[in-house]
Structure formats: C-alpha cells, structure tokens
mmCIF file of all heavy atoms, coordinates in Angstrom:
data_MODEL
# 
_entry.id   MODEL 
# 
loop_
_atom_site.group_PDB 
_atom_site.id 
_atom_site.type_symbol 
_atom_site.label_atom_id 
_atom_site.label_alt_id 
_atom_site.label_comp_id 
_atom_site.label_asym_id 
_atom_site.label_entity_id 
_atom_site.label_seq_id 
_atom_site.pdbx_PDB_ins_code 
_atom_site.Cartn_x 
_atom_site.Cartn_y 
_atom_site.Cartn_z 
_atom_site.occupancy 
_atom_site.B_iso_or_equiv 
_atom_site.pdbx_formal_charge 
_atom_site.auth_seq_id 
_atom_site.auth_comp_id 
_atom_site.auth_asym_id 
_atom_site.auth_atom_id 
_atom_site.pdbx_PDB_model_num 
ATOM 1   N N   . ALA A 1 1  ? 0.835  -1.203  0.007   1.00 0.00 ? 1  ALA A N   1 
ATOM 2   C CA  . ALA A 1 1  ? 0.009  0.007   -0.025  1.00 0.00 ? 1  ALA A CA  1 
ATOM 3   C C   . ALA A 1 1  ? 0.822  1.328   0.030   1.00 0.00 ? 1  ALA A C   1 
ATOM 4   O O   . ALA A 1 1  ? 0.593  2.232   -0.715  1.00 0.00 ? 1  ALA A O   1 
ATOM 5   C CB  . ALA A 1 1  ? -0.976 0.000   1.205   1.00 0.00 ? 1  ALA A CB  1 
ATOM 6   N N   . THR A 1 2  ? 1.903  1.301   0.846   1.00 0.00 ? 2  THR A N   1 
ATOM 7   C CA  . THR A 1 2  ? 2.785  2.474   0.866   1.00 0.00 ? 2  THR A CA  1 
ATOM 8   C C   . THR A 1 2  ? 3.440  2.651   -0.456  1.00 0.00 ? 2  THR A C   1 
ATOM 9   O O   . THR A 1 2  ? 3.595  3.793   -0.935  1.00 0.00 ? 2  THR A O   1 
ATOM 10  C CB  . THR A 1 2  ? 3.776  2.271   1.985   1.00 0.00 ? 2  THR A CB  1 
ATOM 11  O OG1 . THR A 1 2  ? 3.119  2.169   3.281   1.00 0.00 ? 2  THR A OG1 1 
ATOM 12  C CG2 . THR A 1 2  ? 4.757  3.514   2.058   1.00 0.00 ? 2  THR A CG2 1 
ATOM 13  N N   . GLU A 1 3  ? 3.954  1.577   -1.065  1.00 0.00 ? 3  GLU A N   1 
ATOM 14  C CA  . GLU A 1 3  ? 4.634  1.680   -2.356  1.00 0.00 ? 3  GLU A CA  1 
ATOM 15  C C   . GLU A 1 3  ? 3.652  2.072   -3.458  1.00 0.00 ? 3  GLU A C   1 
ATOM 16  O O   . GLU A 1 3  ? 4.032  2.867   -4.314  1.00 0.00 ? 3  GLU A O   1 
ATOM 17  C CB  . GLU A 1 3  ? 5.372  0.415   -2.648  1.00 0.00 ? 3  GLU A CB  1 
ATOM 18  C CG  . GLU A 1 3  ? 6.448  0.046   -1.667  1.00 0.00 ? 3  GLU A CG  1 
ATOM 19  C CD  . GLU A 1 3  ? 7.462  1.143   -1.427  1.00 0.00 ? 3  GLU A CD  1 
ATOM 20  O OE1 . GLU A 1 3  ? 8.113  1.585   -2.385  1.00 0.00 ? 3  GLU A OE1 1 
ATOM 21  O OE2 . GLU A 1 3  ? 7.548  1.633   -0.276  1.00 0.00 ? 3  GLU A OE2 1 
ATOM 22  N N   . LEU A 1 4  ? 2.472  1.589   -3.399  1.00 0.00 ? 4  LEU A N   1 
ATOM 23  C CA  . LEU A 1 4  ? 1.496  1.923   -4.383  1.00 0.00 ? 4  LEU A CA  1 
ATOM 24  C C   . LEU A 1 4  ? 1.161  3.433   -4.365  1.00 0.00 ? 4  LEU A C   1 
ATOM 25  O O   . LEU A 1 4  ? 1.029  4.113   -5.435  1.00 0.00 ? 4  LEU A O   1 
ATOM 26  C CB  . LEU A 1 4  ? 0.184  1.111   -4.179  1.00 0.00 ? 4  LEU A CB  1 
ATOM 27  C CG  . LEU A 1 4  ? -0.995 1.360   -5.041  1.00 0.00 ? 4  LEU A CG  1 
ATOM 28  C CD1 . LEU A 1 4  ? -0.665 1.153   -6.499  1.00 0.00 ? 4  LEU A CD1 1 
ATOM 29  C CD2 . LEU A 1 4  ? -2.195 0.515   -4.655  1.00 0.00 ? 4  LEU A CD2 1 
ATOM 30  N N   . LYS A 1 5  ? 1.025  3.976   -3.162  1.00 0.00 ? 5  LYS A N   1 
ATOM 31  C CA  . LYS A 1 5  ? 0.771  5.385   -3.012  1.00 0.00 ? 5  LYS A CA  1 
ATOM 32  C C   . LYS A 1 5  ? 1.802  6.255   -3.745  1.00 0.00 ? 5  LYS A C   1 
ATOM 33  O O   . LYS A 1 5  ? 1.491  7.339   -4.295  1.00 0.00 ? 5  LYS A O   1 
ATOM 34  C CB  . LYS A 1 5  ? 0.806  5.826   -1.533  1.00 0.00 ? 5  LYS A CB  1 
ATOM 35  C CG  . LYS A 1 5  ? -0.425 5.469   -0.835  1.00 0.00 ? 5  LYS A CG  1 
ATOM 36  C CD  . LYS A 1 5  ? -0.350 5.910   0.660   1.00 0.00 ? 5  LYS A CD  1 
ATOM 37  C CE  . LYS A 1 5  ? -1.388 5.339   1.478   1.00 0.00 ? 5  LYS A CE  1 
ATOM 38  N NZ  . LYS A 1 5  ? -1.178 5.657   2.943   1.00 0.00 ? 5  LYS A NZ  1 
ATOM 39  N N   . LYS A 1 6  ? 3.099  5.855   -3.766  1.00 0.00 ? 6  LYS A N   1 
ATOM 40  C CA  . LYS A 1 6  ? 4.157  6.565   -4.352  1.00 0.00 ? 6  LYS A CA  1 
ATOM 41  C C   . LYS A 1 6  ? 4.018  6.693   -5.850  1.00 0.00 ? 6  LYS A C   1 
ATOM 42  O O   . LYS A 1 6  ? 4.374  7.741   -6.420  1.00 0.00 ? 6  LYS A O   1 
ATOM 43  C CB  . LYS A 1 6  ? 5.559  5.950   -4.022  1.00 0.00 ? 6  LYS A CB  1 
ATOM 44  C CG  . LYS A 1 6  ? 5.839  5.981   -2.594  1.00 0.00 ? 6  LYS A CG  1 
ATOM 45  C CD  . LYS A 1 6  ? 7.208  5.188   -2.333  1.00 0.00 ? 6  LYS A CD  1 
ATOM 46  C CE  . LYS A 1 6  ? 7.557  5.151   -0.897  1.00 0.00 ? 6  LYS A CE  1 
ATOM 47  N NZ  . LYS A 1 6  ? 8.788  4.402   -0.657  1.00 0.00 ? 6  LYS A NZ  1 
ATOM 48  N N   . CYS A 1 7  ? 3.450  5.699   -6.500  1.00 0.00 ? 7  CYS A N   1 
ATOM 49  C CA  . CYS A 1 7  ? 3.410  5.685   -7.946  1.00 0.00 ? 7  CYS A CA  1 
ATOM 50  C C   . CYS A 1 7  ? 2.064  5.595   -8.595  1.00 0.00 ? 7  CYS A C   1 
ATOM 51  O O   . CYS A 1 7  ? 1.891  5.423   -9.743  1.00 0.00 ? 7  CYS A O   1 
ATOM 52  C CB  . CYS A 1 7  ? 4.303  4.599   -8.500  1.00 0.00 ? 7  CYS A CB  1 
ATOM 53  S SG  . CYS A 1 7  ? 3.847  2.929   -7.986  1.00 0.00 ? 7  CYS A SG  1 
ATOM 54  N N   . ILE A 1 8  ? 0.945  5.690   -7.703  1.00 0.00 ? 8  ILE A N   1 
ATOM 55  C CA  . ILE A 1 8  ? -0.381 5.555   -8.127  1.00 0.00 ? 8  ILE A CA  1 
ATOM 56  C C   . ILE A 1 8  ? -0.797 6.380   -9.358  1.00 0.00 ? 8  ILE A C   1 
ATOM 57  O O   . ILE A 1 8  ? -1.571 5.886   -10.221 1.00 0.00 ? 8  ILE A O   1 
ATOM 58  C CB  . ILE A 1 8  ? -1.390 5.788   -6.978  1.00 0.00 ? 8  ILE A CB  1 
ATOM 59  C CG1 . ILE A 1 8  ? -2.851 5.333   -7.398  1.00 0.00 ? 8  ILE A CG1 1 
ATOM 60  C CG2 . ILE A 1 8  ? -1.349 7.188   -6.509  1.00 0.00 ? 8  ILE A CG2 1 
ATOM 61  C CD1 . ILE A 1 8  ? -3.024 3.942   -7.691  1.00 0.00 ? 8  ILE A CD1 1 
ATOM 62  N N   . ASP A 1 9  ? -0.241 7.532   -9.494  1.00 0.00 ? 9  ASP A N   1 
ATOM 63  C CA  . ASP A 1 9  ? -0.610 8.375   -10.689 1.00 0.00 ? 9  ASP A CA  1 
ATOM 64  C C   . ASP A 1 9  ? -0.152 7.736   -11.997 1.00 0.00 ? 9  ASP A C   1 
ATOM 65  O O   . ASP A 1 9  ? -0.576 8.197   -13.055 1.00 0.00 ? 9  ASP A O   1 
ATOM 66  C CB  . ASP A 1 9  ? -0.045 9.717   -10.531 1.00 0.00 ? 9  ASP A CB  1 
ATOM 67  C CG  . ASP A 1 9  ? -0.682 10.508  -9.346  1.00 0.00 ? 9  ASP A CG  1 
ATOM 68  O OD1 . ASP A 1 9  ? -1.788 10.181  -9.025  1.00 0.00 ? 9  ASP A OD1 1 
ATOM 69  O OD2 . ASP A 1 9  ? -0.038 11.474  -8.894  1.00 0.00 ? 9  ASP A OD2 1 
ATOM 70  N N   . TYR A 1 10 ? 0.722  6.745   -11.970 1.00 0.00 ? 10 TYR A N   1 
ATOM 71  C CA  . TYR A 1 10 ? 1.274  6.130   -13.159 1.00 0.00 ? 10 TYR A CA  1 
ATOM 72  C C   . TYR A 1 10 ? 0.721  4.698   -13.364 1.00 0.00 ? 10 TYR A C   1 
ATOM 73  O O   . TYR A 1 10 ? 1.045  4.059   -14.329 1.00 0.00 ? 10 TYR A O   1 
ATOM 74  C CB  . TYR A 1 10 ? 2.795  6.135   -13.151 1.00 0.00 ? 10 TYR A CB  1 
ATOM 75  C CG  . TYR A 1 10 ? 3.428  7.481   -13.141 1.00 0.00 ? 10 TYR A CG  1 
ATOM 76  C CD1 . TYR A 1 10 ? 3.882  8.075   -12.042 1.00 0.00 ? 10 TYR A CD1 1 
ATOM 77  C CD2 . TYR A 1 10 ? 3.551  8.117   -14.414 1.00 0.00 ? 10 TYR A CD2 1 
ATOM 78  C CE1 . TYR A 1 10 ? 4.426  9.327   -12.081 1.00 0.00 ? 10 TYR A CE1 1 
ATOM 79  C CE2 . TYR A 1 10 ? 4.133  9.436   -14.446 1.00 0.00 ? 10 TYR A CE2 1 
ATOM 80  C CZ  . TYR A 1 10 ? 4.547  9.998   -13.305 1.00 0.00 ? 10 TYR A CZ  1 
ATOM 81  O OH  . TYR A 1 10 ? 5.167  11.217  -13.359 1.00 0.00 ? 10 TYR A OH  1 
ATOM 82  N N   . VAL A 1 11 ? -0.066 4.239   -12.356 1.00 0.00 ? 11 VAL A N   1 
ATOM 83  C CA  . VAL A 1 11 ? -0.550 2.841   -12.407 1.00 0.00 ? 11 VAL A CA  1 
ATOM 84  C C   . VAL A 1 11 ? -1.720 2.742   -13.437 1.00 0.00 ? 11 VAL A C   1 
ATOM 85  O O   . VAL A 1 11 ? -2.725 3.353   -13.285 1.00 0.00 ? 11 VAL A O   1 
ATOM 86  C CB  . VAL A 1 11 ? -0.949 2.306   -11.071 1.00 0.00 ? 11 VAL A CB  1 
ATOM 87  C CG1 . VAL A 1 11 ? -1.594 0.953   -11.125 1.00 0.00 ? 11 VAL A CG1 1 
ATOM 88  C CG2 . VAL A 1 11 ? 0.235  2.368   -10.089 1.00 0.00 ? 11 VAL A CG2 1 
ATOM 89  N N   . ALA A 1 12 ? -1.472 1.822   -14.439 1.00 0.00 ? 12 ALA A N   1 
ATOM 90  C CA  . ALA A 1 12 ? -2.528 1.529   -15.406 1.00 0.00 ? 12 ALA A CA  1 
ATOM 91  C C   . ALA A 1 12 ? -3.216 0.284   -15.142 1.00 0.00 ? 12 ALA A C   1 
ATOM 92  O O   . ALA A 1 12 ? -4.374 0.107   -15.529 1.00 0.00 ? 12 ALA A O   1 
ATOM 93  C CB  . ALA A 1 12 ? -1.908 1.599   -16.794 1.00 0.00 ? 12 ALA A CB  1 
ATOM 94  N N   . THR A 1 13 ? -2.455 -0.744  -14.611 1.00 0.00 ? 13 THR A N   1 
ATOM 95  C CA  . THR A 1 13 ? -3.002 -2.043  -14.328 1.00 0.00 ? 13 THR A CA  1 
ATOM 96  C C   . THR A 1 13 ? -2.504 -2.520  -12.992 1.00 0.00 ? 13 THR A C   1 
ATOM 97  O O   . THR A 1 13 ? -1.411 -2.098  -12.562 1.00 0.00 ? 13 THR A O   1 
ATOM 98  C CB  . THR A 1 13 ? -2.626 -3.067  -15.456 1.00 0.00 ? 13 THR A CB  1 
ATOM 99  O OG1 . THR A 1 13 ? -1.218 -3.196  -15.483 1.00 0.00 ? 13 THR A OG1 1 
ATOM 100 C CG2 . THR A 1 13 ? -3.152 -2.664  -16.762 1.00 0.00 ? 13 THR A CG2 1 
ATOM 101 N N   . MET A 1 14 ? -3.264 -3.390  -12.362 1.00 0.00 ? 14 MET A N   1 
ATOM 102 C CA  . MET A 1 14 ? -2.943 -3.937  -11.077 1.00 0.00 ? 14 MET A CA  1 
ATOM 103 C C   . MET A 1 14 ? -2.878 -5.444  -11.247 1.00 0.00 ? 14 MET A C   1 
ATOM 104 O O   . MET A 1 14 ? -3.726 -6.073  -11.832 1.00 0.00 ? 14 MET A O   1 
ATOM 105 C CB  . MET A 1 14 ? -3.961 -3.657  -10.064 1.00 0.00 ? 14 MET A CB  1 
ATOM 106 C CG  . MET A 1 14 ? -3.974 -2.219  -9.524  1.00 0.00 ? 14 MET A CG  1 
ATOM 107 S SD  . MET A 1 14 ? -2.612 -1.780  -8.542  1.00 0.00 ? 14 MET A SD  1 
ATOM 108 C CE  . MET A 1 14 ? -2.667 -2.894  -7.195  1.00 0.00 ? 14 MET A CE  1 
ATOM 109 N N   . GLU A 1 15 ? -1.863 -6.043  -10.626 1.00 0.00 ? 15 GLU A N   1 
ATOM 110 C CA  . GLU A 1 15 ? -1.750 -7.486  -10.559 1.00 0.00 ? 15 GLU A CA  1 
ATOM 111 C C   . GLU A 1 15 ? -1.671 -7.826  -9.081  1.00 0.00 ? 15 GLU A C   1 
ATOM 112 O O   . GLU A 1 15 ? -0.798 -7.440  -8.394  1.00 0.00 ? 15 GLU A O   1 
ATOM 113 C CB  . GLU A 1 15 ? -0.411 -7.871  -11.250 1.00 0.00 ? 15 GLU A CB  1 
ATOM 114 C CG  . GLU A 1 15 ? -0.309 -9.350  -11.672 1.00 0.00 ? 15 GLU A CG  1 
ATOM 115 C CD  . GLU A 1 15 ? 0.788  -9.508  -12.647 1.00 0.00 ? 15 GLU A CD  1 
ATOM 116 O OE1 . GLU A 1 15 ? 0.651  -9.192  -13.824 1.00 0.00 ? 15 GLU A OE1 1 
ATOM 117 O OE2 . GLU A 1 15 ? 1.824  -10.096 -12.210 1.00 0.00 ? 15 GLU A OE2 1 
ATOM 118 N N   . VAL A 1 16 ? -2.683 -8.522  -8.604  1.00 0.00 ? 16 VAL A N   1 
ATOM 119 C CA  . VAL A 1 16 ? -2.819 -8.786  -7.220  1.00 0.00 ? 16 VAL A CA  1 
ATOM 120 C C   . VAL A 1 16 ? -2.529 -10.248 -6.836  1.00 0.00 ? 16 VAL A C   1 
ATOM 121 O O   . VAL A 1 16 ? -2.984 -11.118 -7.493  1.00 0.00 ? 16 VAL A O   1 
ATOM 122 C CB  . VAL A 1 16 ? -4.175 -8.326  -6.637  1.00 0.00 ? 16 VAL A CB  1 
ATOM 123 C CG1 . VAL A 1 16 ? -4.301 -6.809  -6.602  1.00 0.00 ? 16 VAL A CG1 1 
ATOM 124 C CG2 . VAL A 1 16 ? -5.270 -8.870  -7.404  1.00 0.00 ? 16 VAL A CG2 1 
ATOM 125 N N   . LYS A 1 17 ? -1.632 -10.322 -5.881  1.00 0.00 ? 17 LYS A N   1 
ATOM 126 C CA  . LYS A 1 17 ? -1.307 -11.614 -5.328  1.00 0.00 ? 17 LYS A CA  1 
ATOM 127 C C   . LYS A 1 17 ? -0.736 -11.333 -3.934  1.00 0.00 ? 17 LYS A C   1 
ATOM 128 O O   . LYS A 1 17 ? -0.282 -10.270 -3.568  1.00 0.00 ? 17 LYS A O   1 
ATOM 129 C CB  . LYS A 1 17 ? -0.330 -12.407 -6.183  1.00 0.00 ? 17 LYS A CB  1 
ATOM 130 C CG  . LYS A 1 17 ? 1.063  -11.852 -6.330  1.00 0.00 ? 17 LYS A CG  1 
ATOM 131 C CD  . LYS A 1 17 ? 1.906  -12.698 -7.229  1.00 0.00 ? 17 LYS A CD  1 
ATOM 132 C CE  . LYS A 1 17 ? 3.275  -12.031 -7.363  1.00 0.00 ? 17 LYS A CE  1 
ATOM 133 N NZ  . LYS A 1 17 ? 3.818  -12.226 -8.676  1.00 0.00 ? 17 LYS A NZ  1 
ATOM 134 N N   . ASP A 1 18 ? -0.742 -12.381 -3.094  1.00 0.00 ? 18 ASP A N   1 
ATOM 135 C CA  . ASP A 1 18 ? -0.149 -12.273 -1.736  1.00 0.00 ? 18 ASP A CA  1 
ATOM 136 C C   . ASP A 1 18 ? 1.185  -12.867 -1.741  1.00 0.00 ? 18 ASP A C   1 
ATOM 137 O O   . ASP A 1 18 ? 1.646  -13.484 -2.753  1.00 0.00 ? 18 ASP A O   1 
ATOM 138 C CB  . ASP A 1 18 ? -1.075 -13.017 -0.739  1.00 0.00 ? 18 ASP A CB  1 
ATOM 139 C CG  . ASP A 1 18 ? -1.141 -12.353 0.621   1.00 0.00 ? 18 ASP A CG  1 
ATOM 140 O OD1 . ASP A 1 18 ? -0.191 -11.637 0.935   1.00 0.00 ? 18 ASP A OD1 1 
ATOM 141 O OD2 . ASP A 1 18 ? -2.120 -12.544 1.380   1.00 0.00 ? 18 ASP A OD2 1 
ATOM 142 N N   . HIS A 1 19 ? 1.988  -12.706 -0.669  1.00 0.00 ? 19 HIS A N   1 
ATOM 143 C CA  . HIS A 1 19 ? 3.355  -13.225 -0.573  1.00 0.00 ? 19 HIS A CA  1 
ATOM 144 C C   . HIS A 1 19 ? 3.610  -13.483 0.899   1.00 0.00 ? 19 HIS A C   1 
ATOM 145 O O   . HIS A 1 19 ? 3.015  -12.929 1.766   1.00 0.00 ? 19 HIS A O   1 
ATOM 146 C CB  . HIS A 1 19 ? 4.289  -12.193 -1.112  1.00 0.00 ? 19 HIS A CB  1 
ATOM 147 C CG  . HIS A 1 19 ? 5.704  -12.706 -1.193  1.00 0.00 ? 19 HIS A CG  1 
ATOM 148 N ND1 . HIS A 1 19 ? 6.700  -12.150 -0.444  1.00 0.00 ? 19 HIS A ND1 1 
ATOM 149 C CD2 . HIS A 1 19 ? 6.278  -13.611 -2.011  1.00 0.00 ? 19 HIS A CD2 1 
ATOM 150 C CE1 . HIS A 1 19 ? 7.852  -12.794 -0.652  1.00 0.00 ? 19 HIS A CE1 1 
ATOM 151 N NE2 . HIS A 1 19 ? 7.618  -13.673 -1.595  1.00 0.00 ? 19 HIS A NE2 1 
ATOM 152 N N   . ASP A 1 20 ? 4.604  -14.358 1.125   1.00 0.00 ? 20 ASP A N   1 
ATOM 153 C CA  . ASP A 1 20 ? 4.984  -14.719 2.511   1.00 0.00 ? 20 ASP A CA  1 
ATOM 154 C C   . ASP A 1 20 ? 5.799  -13.705 3.244   1.00 0.00 ? 20 ASP A C   1 
ATOM 155 O O   . ASP A 1 20 ? 5.999  -13.772 4.354   1.00 0.00 ? 20 ASP A O   1 
ATOM 156 C CB  . ASP A 1 20 ? 5.550  -16.071 2.598   1.00 0.00 ? 20 ASP A CB  1 
ATOM 157 C CG  . ASP A 1 20 ? 6.897  -16.192 1.905   1.00 0.00 ? 20 ASP A CG  1 
ATOM 158 O OD1 . ASP A 1 20 ? 7.439  -15.145 1.403   1.00 0.00 ? 20 ASP A OD1 1 
ATOM 159 O OD2 . ASP A 1 20 ? 7.547  -17.273 1.973   1.00 0.00 ? 20 ASP A OD2 1 
ATOM 160 N N   . GLY A 1 21 ? 6.278  -12.726 2.484   1.00 0.00 ? 21 GLY A N   1 
ATOM 161 C CA  . GLY A 1 21 ? 7.072  -11.645 3.081   1.00 0.00 ? 21 GLY A CA  1 
ATOM 162 C C   . GLY A 1 21 ? 8.552  -11.885 3.147   1.00 0.00 ? 21 GLY A C   1 
ATOM 163 O O   . GLY A 1 21 ? 9.294  -11.016 3.665   1.00 0.00 ? 21 GLY A O   1 
ATOM 164 N N   . LYS A 1 22 ? 9.048  -13.016 2.776   1.00 0.00 ? 22 LYS A N   1 
ATOM 165 C CA  . LYS A 1 22 ? 10.482 -13.289 2.805   1.00 0.00 ? 22 LYS A CA  1 
ATOM 166 C C   . LYS A 1 22 ? 11.088 -12.924 1.543   1.00 0.00 ? 22 LYS A C   1 
ATOM 167 O O   . LYS A 1 22 ? 10.668 -13.327 0.416   1.00 0.00 ? 22 LYS A O   1 
ATOM 168 C CB  . LYS A 1 22 ? 10.690 -14.792 3.079   1.00 0.00 ? 22 LYS A CB  1 
ATOM 169 C CG  . LYS A 1 22 ? 10.098 -15.267 4.411   1.00 0.00 ? 22 LYS A CG  1 
ATOM 170 C CD  . LYS A 1 22 ? 10.172 -16.724 4.563   1.00 0.00 ? 22 LYS A CD  1 
ATOM 171 C CE  . LYS A 1 22 ? 9.414  -17.188 5.816   1.00 0.00 ? 22 LYS A CE  1 
ATOM 172 N NZ  . LYS A 1 22 ? 9.123  -18.600 5.830   1.00 0.00 ? 22 LYS A NZ  1 
ATOM 173 N N   . LEU A 1 23 ? 12.234 -12.227 1.651   1.00 0.00 ? 23 LEU A N   1 
ATOM 174 C CA  . LEU A 1 23 ? 12.942 -11.722 0.483   1.00 0.00 ? 23 LEU A CA  1 
ATOM 175 C C   . LEU A 1 23 ? 13.262 -12.850 -0.505  1.00 0.00 ? 23 LEU A C   1 
ATOM 176 O O   . LEU A 1 23 ? 13.836 -13.802 -0.102  1.00 0.00 ? 23 LEU A O   1 
ATOM 177 C CB  . LEU A 1 23 ? 14.245 -10.989 0.921   1.00 0.00 ? 23 LEU A CB  1 
ATOM 178 C CG  . LEU A 1 23 ? 15.025 -10.295 -0.197  1.00 0.00 ? 23 LEU A CG  1 
ATOM 179 C CD1 . LEU A 1 23 ? 14.198 -9.178  -0.808  1.00 0.00 ? 23 LEU A CD1 1 
ATOM 180 C CD2 . LEU A 1 23 ? 16.302 -9.793  0.303   1.00 0.00 ? 23 LEU A CD2 1 
ATOM 181 N N   . GLN A 1 24 ? 12.824 -12.607 -1.750  1.00 0.00 ? 24 GLN A N   1 
ATOM 182 C CA  . GLN A 1 24 ? 13.072 -13.495 -2.846  1.00 0.00 ? 24 GLN A CA  1 
ATOM 183 C C   . GLN A 1 24 ? 12.707 -14.968 -2.528  1.00 0.00 ? 24 GLN A C   1 
ATOM 184 O O   . GLN A 1 24 ? 13.352 -15.970 -3.005  1.00 0.00 ? 24 GLN A O   1 
ATOM 185 C CB  . GLN A 1 24 ? 14.498 -13.391 -3.409  1.00 0.00 ? 24 GLN A CB  1 
ATOM 186 C CG  . GLN A 1 24 ? 14.647 -11.981 -3.995  1.00 0.00 ? 24 GLN A CG  1 
ATOM 187 C CD  . GLN A 1 24 ? 15.893 -11.848 -4.858  1.00 0.00 ? 24 GLN A CD  1 
ATOM 188 O OE1 . GLN A 1 24 ? 16.649 -12.751 -5.086  1.00 0.00 ? 24 GLN A OE1 1 
ATOM 189 N NE2 . GLN A 1 24 ? 16.029 -10.656 -5.378  1.00 0.00 ? 24 GLN A NE2 1 
ATOM 190 N N   . SER A 1 25 ? 11.668 -15.112 -1.759  1.00 0.00 ? 25 SER A N   1 
ATOM 191 C CA  . SER A 1 25 ? 11.118 -16.435 -1.478  1.00 0.00 ? 25 SER A CA  1 
ATOM 192 C C   . SER A 1 25 ? 10.306 -16.862 -2.667  1.00 0.00 ? 25 SER A C   1 
ATOM 193 O O   . SER A 1 25 ? 9.154  -16.507 -2.830  1.00 0.00 ? 25 SER A O   1 
ATOM 194 C CB  . SER A 1 25 ? 10.156 -16.301 -0.279  1.00 0.00 ? 25 SER A CB  1 
ATOM 195 O OG  . SER A 1 25 ? 9.615  -17.555 0.037   1.00 0.00 ? 25 SER A OG  1 
ATOM 196 N N   . TRP A 1 26 ? 11.023 -17.495 -3.560  1.00 0.00 ? 26 TRP A N   1 
ATOM 197 C CA  . TRP A 1 26 ? 10.485 -17.748 -4.857  1.00 0.00 ? 26 TRP A CA  1 
ATOM 198 C C   . TRP A 1 26 ? 9.283  -18.675 -4.855  1.00 0.00 ? 26 TRP A C   1 
ATOM 199 O O   . TRP A 1 26 ? 9.238  -19.746 -4.298  1.00 0.00 ? 26 TRP A O   1 
ATOM 200 C CB  . TRP A 1 26 ? 11.517 -18.395 -5.812  1.00 0.00 ? 26 TRP A CB  1 
ATOM 201 C CG  . TRP A 1 26 ? 11.033 -18.598 -7.184  1.00 0.00 ? 26 TRP A CG  1 
ATOM 202 C CD1 . TRP A 1 26 ? 10.951 -19.852 -7.850  1.00 0.00 ? 26 TRP A CD1 1 
ATOM 203 C CD2 . TRP A 1 26 ? 10.547 -17.688 -8.132  1.00 0.00 ? 26 TRP A CD2 1 
ATOM 204 N NE1 . TRP A 1 26 ? 10.452 -19.650 -9.094  1.00 0.00 ? 26 TRP A NE1 1 
ATOM 205 C CE2 . TRP A 1 26 ? 10.177 -18.351 -9.258  1.00 0.00 ? 26 TRP A CE2 1 
ATOM 206 C CE3 . TRP A 1 26 ? 10.390 -16.291 -8.048  1.00 0.00 ? 26 TRP A CE3 1 
ATOM 207 C CZ2 . TRP A 1 26 ? 9.650  -17.707 -10.403 1.00 0.00 ? 26 TRP A CZ2 1 
ATOM 208 C CZ3 . TRP A 1 26 ? 9.859  -15.654 -9.147  1.00 0.00 ? 26 TRP A CZ3 1 
ATOM 209 C CH2 . TRP A 1 26 ? 9.484  -16.294 -10.252 1.00 0.00 ? 26 TRP A CH2 1 
ATOM 210 N N   . LYS A 1 27 ? 8.236  -18.217 -5.489  1.00 0.00 ? 27 LYS A N   1 
ATOM 211 C CA  . LYS A 1 27 ? 6.957  -18.875 -5.641  1.00 0.00 ? 27 LYS A CA  1 
ATOM 212 C C   . LYS A 1 27 ? 6.361  -19.323 -4.291  1.00 0.00 ? 27 LYS A C   1 
ATOM 213 O O   . LYS A 1 27 ? 5.906  -20.402 -4.168  1.00 0.00 ? 27 LYS A O   1 
ATOM 214 C CB  . LYS A 1 27 ? 7.085  -20.103 -6.576  1.00 0.00 ? 27 LYS A CB  1 
ATOM 215 C CG  . LYS A 1 27 ? 7.382  -19.640 -7.987  1.00 0.00 ? 27 LYS A CG  1 
ATOM 216 C CD  . LYS A 1 27 ? 6.762  -20.612 -8.967  1.00 0.00 ? 27 LYS A CD  1 
ATOM 217 C CE  . LYS A 1 27 ? 7.086  -20.026 -10.398 1.00 0.00 ? 27 LYS A CE  1 
ATOM 218 N NZ  . LYS A 1 27 ? 6.096  -20.314 -11.316 1.00 0.00 ? 27 LYS A NZ  1 
ATOM 219 N N   . THR A 1 28 ? 6.318  -18.383 -3.381  1.00 0.00 ? 28 THR A N   1 
ATOM 220 C CA  . THR A 1 28 ? 5.614  -18.614 -2.121  1.00 0.00 ? 28 THR A CA  1 
ATOM 221 C C   . THR A 1 28 ? 4.568  -17.521 -2.088  1.00 0.00 ? 28 THR A C   1 
ATOM 222 O O   . THR A 1 28 ? 4.635  -16.571 -1.335  1.00 0.00 ? 28 THR A O   1 
ATOM 223 C CB  . THR A 1 28 ? 6.507  -18.586 -0.950  1.00 0.00 ? 28 THR A CB  1 
ATOM 224 O OG1 . THR A 1 28 ? 7.568  -19.495 -1.183  1.00 0.00 ? 28 THR A OG1 1 
ATOM 225 C CG2 . THR A 1 28 ? 5.811  -19.002 0.349   1.00 0.00 ? 28 THR A CG2 1 
# 
C-alpha cells in the first residue's frame, strides 16, 4: 500500500497476489 501510493498516478493495471514476506522467497 505504501509503495502503491508513491506511484499511483502512473498505475494503469494492477496484478494482485499475496506473498509470505520473505525476500526472494520464490513462488511462495
């Protein structure tokens, strides 16, 4: 949400998915 606020004026499409929060935790 914080990162989205920074660039929202340029966002044309959204891709939504959740993540486990671990850096480069591939396909989690």
